[in-house]
Each structure stands twice: as structure tokens, then as C-alpha cells.
Amino acid sequence: MEYREILDIFEQHDKFLILTHKSPDGDTLGCGFGLCYFLRDMGKQANVVNSDGFPDRYDFMYAEYTEQDFKPEYIIAVDIADPALMGKNLLEYQETNAVDLCIDHHFSNKNYAKLSHVEGDASAAALILYKIFKLSGRPISDIIAKCLYTGIATDTGCFKYENTTPDAHNAAAELMAYNIDYANVNRRMFDVKSKGRLQIEQIVTAAMEYYLEDRCCMIVITTELMNSCGVDQAEFDGLASIPLSAEGVMLGLTVKQRHEGVYKISVRTTEEIDASAFCSVFGGGGHIRAAGCELKGTLEEVKEKLLERAKQVINA
């Protein structure tokens, strides 16, 4: 779909529901709230939903948000490559053709929506929305700019990941011209951590497991560990970059238990390994340097599968 066609959809409909992915990050929420505010500025009705709720760390994006009372007539998914990523509280939208439009930046997008706009080379889904909003010629408010900036900064790792493009830098520079206090956004997103989060990082770092001549590093987060720490479960999100931070590691694996016999796998890689290809054999996907999948079995069985795959890609 072309940007103009998406803008036509915004014009043609009046009541929108915007879906964001479970375990929400700054890109999906930045897109969700940014689009919501944009549509409301057009005189439309719009709401944002997330299966897990909106984490406190992103409250600067939804402080001005209040849910509107209406029955949606058009469903938009943002930054959701696979309907399974919507989460258990949005099951009704995981059915075939339940979503009218998907705007995404994952090459692994399942094309589950009636209409899709996917730019796999875009640094963030928020970057796509920014280009669409600019094309409209409509004013972009400060809160919209803050949401979109957050999305771009999040998915580029504050502009240090390999997926950071000139487009991402240019868009961020333009958004910084708004009254968004970008320095505070970056600090909240990348620097400030709760005591509970620091405790968790200390525990998982001390328990890191190294394999294949220290080229593969794994951390394991069990439900027992999560319950014993006595902190909010959201504090366990975003740990996937830790294994790759160890010197010499090419493949970082984070194994997080969802419940008995089910594990969420987050994969981070250096330029020698395609993270999405690593996960594809397990039915997952994502980006070249950051991807994920889900595995079932005992912890030892899951680790065995991952290490067998790790041998294939590291020794290739």
C-alpha cells in the first residue's frame, strides 16, 4: 500500500481501534498512541489497546490519553508481525481477517491483515508513521512527536543498532525540533532503572552461561526466579541485550519461561549471524540482529535445541 492510500483510509473511517503487541516496547506504544492522537486531531474517534496494559515507564506517552466510548469500525495493528504477538487478551483479533490494516517494519510479517503496509528496511514502525503523517500536511502535535521519537529511539537502541539508517537520524532530528524533552525521553528509556531491575540484572549476569568457545552466551529466567525477586513482572522485559554485551559473544540467547513447559526465546546477534534466520526454524522471526520465537519442552530440552541450532550458525 502507498502512504496516500493509508491516509485515504484515515479519512474514510471514523471509529478506530489500534492494536499493539504484548510485552509492549516504545515502538509499538509510540505508534499506537501517536496514531491515536493523530486520528483524534482529525476529528476521529480512536482507542489504543494492549493485552498486558501500559507499563508505567511509558506514562509520558499516555498521560494525555483517555479511553473513548464507541464501537470500533476499523482495526489497525501497529508493529505486530504475527497475530500471536497480540497476546491472550486480544484473541478475537487473531482470527483471519479480523484486522483491517497492519503497519509494520518486520520482514517476517505474516500478512494476516486484510491490508498491509510493511517496510522491512525501516528502522522502526514509528518511522513509517512519521512519513505518513508528514505527507498528510496536517500539523503534528508535540505529544505525537514525542511518541514517534520514542518509537524510533527504542528500536534503534538510542541510534546505536545496526538498523539505524540516515532516514532514522533525519526523522529524529526533525522530531527533536518539537517540544518533546528528548533528553529526558532517552534517559527514561535507556538509563533509569528501578532497584528491582538492577537486582535482576545482577542475578542474571552472574548466572550467564557460555558455550561454543564463549561465542554464544545464554541467560535463563524461570518463573521461580521471577517470583522470588518480588518485583513487578514487567521488570523482566528488555533483558535480551545482556548476553550480547559480553566481549567476544556473537550470539546472545535469553530464555524466559512463560509457564510450565513454554519458553520465550529472544535472540540478539552480531553481523556474522542472522537472528531472524536463527529463529525461523522454530517458527519465529524478527529482524536480522534481533528476533524471537517460542519453544516448548523442559528447560533442558529447550536449551539443547537452541545450542544445536547455535552450533549450526556459529560453525557455518
Foldseek 3Di string as FASTA:
>chain_A
DDLVVVVVVLVVDAFEEEAFFELGALQRVLVQLLVQVVSVVVVGAYDYDAPHDDDPLPVLLCVVPDHDDDDGDAYEYEADQALPRRDDVPVVCNDAQSHAEYQHQWPNRPPRHVYYDYNVLQLGSLLVVLVSVVVVVDDRALSSLLSSLSRLCGSCVNVPRPSRDPSSVVSNVVSVVHPRPVVVSCCSRPPDDDPLLVVVLVVQLVVWDADDVRQEIETEAEVVNVVVSPDDPSSPPPPQCVSVVDPNHFKYWYWYDPDAFKTKIKIFGDPQFQPQVLCVVQVWGGGRGIIIHMGGDHPVVVVVVSVVSVCVSVVD
